[in-house]
Every structure is written in C-alpha cells, then in structure tokens.
Amino acid sequence: MSWDVVFHVGDLIVQCAIAWAVIPVALRVMAVLKDFPPHRHEANGTIRYPYGFEPGRTEKL
C-alpha cells in the first residue's frame, strides 16, 4: 500500500469524524431556528422573516 493511499484513507477518516460531530449540531440549530426564526421589526409595525423561515398560518382556537 503506497503512502498516497494511506494519506487519502486517513483524510477520509478525519472528514467522516468531523461530519459525525457537525451534522447533528447543524440539524439541531436548524430545528431551533424553525421554532424561533430570526426576524426584523419594521417601523410600520410589520415583521419580516428570512426566506424559508416564515411562520405558518395562525388559527383561532
């Protein structure tokens, strides 16, 4: 086995370990942002949300 193959296998192992740690955190952050989206209050009383974070329709109970 050449050093080039060993280097690339090691590189893949490190990248998978990083992804293993980062992906669950990123999914949790996205879930929290869906529940509590960032928003901006405009001067005229409207609230603006980023694309994809708009709240759904509200219904009276």
Protein backbone atom coordinates (compact mmCIF):
# COMPACT_ATOMS: atom_id res chain seq x y z
CA MET A 1 0.00 0.00 0.00
CA SER A 2 1.51 3.31 -1.04
CA TRP A 3 1.73 6.36 1.18
CA ASP A 4 -0.64 8.17 -1.15
CA VAL A 5 -3.41 5.64 -0.43
CA VAL A 6 -2.69 5.74 3.31
CA PHE A 7 -2.85 9.53 3.27
CA HIS A 8 -6.21 9.58 1.45
CA VAL A 9 -7.73 6.91 3.71
CA GLY A 10 -6.63 8.90 6.75
CA ASP A 11 -8.04 12.06 5.22
CA LEU A 12 -11.41 10.35 4.66
CA ILE A 13 -11.45 9.09 8.25
CA VAL A 14 -10.82 12.60 9.58
CA GLN A 15 -13.51 14.12 7.34
CA CYS A 16 -16.06 11.49 8.41
CA ALA A 17 -15.25 12.12 12.08
CA ILE A 18 -15.77 15.86 11.62
CA ALA A 19 -19.05 15.28 9.77
CA TRP A 20 -20.16 12.86 12.52
CA ALA A 21 -19.76 15.69 15.06
CA VAL A 22 -21.03 18.62 12.98
CA ILE A 23 -24.15 17.23 11.28
CA PRO A 24 -26.25 16.61 14.46
CA VAL A 25 -25.37 20.07 15.76
CA ALA A 26 -26.33 21.67 12.45
CA LEU A 27 -29.65 19.79 12.41
CA ARG A 28 -30.40 20.96 15.96
CA VAL A 29 -29.60 24.59 15.07
CA MET A 30 -31.95 24.39 12.06
CA ALA A 31 -34.73 22.93 14.25
CA VAL A 32 -34.34 25.73 16.79
CA LEU A 33 -34.34 28.36 14.02
CA LYS A 34 -37.59 26.90 12.65
CA ASP A 35 -39.21 27.24 16.10
CA PHE A 36 -37.69 30.66 16.86
CA PRO A 37 -36.87 32.26 13.50
CA PRO A 38 -34.73 35.36 13.19
CA HIS A 39 -36.88 38.36 12.30
CA ARG A 40 -36.84 42.11 11.94
CA HIS A 41 -39.47 44.56 13.16
CA GLU A 42 -40.10 47.28 10.59
CA ALA A 43 -41.03 50.87 11.52
CA ASN A 44 -44.59 50.44 10.20
CA GLY A 45 -45.32 47.52 12.57
CA THR A 46 -44.72 44.62 10.18
CA ILE A 47 -42.37 41.75 10.93
CA ARG A 48 -40.04 40.44 8.19
CA TYR A 49 -38.67 36.91 8.19
CA PRO A 50 -35.89 35.43 6.03
CA TYR A 51 -36.98 33.22 3.13
CA GLY A 52 -37.94 29.77 4.38
CA PHE A 53 -38.48 30.88 7.98
CA GLU A 54 -41.91 32.48 7.59
CA PRO A 55 -44.36 31.26 10.24
CA GLY A 56 -47.35 29.23 9.13
CA ARG A 57 -50.95 30.42 9.20
CA THR A 58 -52.42 31.03 12.62
CA GLU A 59 -55.87 29.76 13.55
CA LYS A 60 -58.25 30.82 16.27
CA LEU A 61 -58.97 28.08 18.79
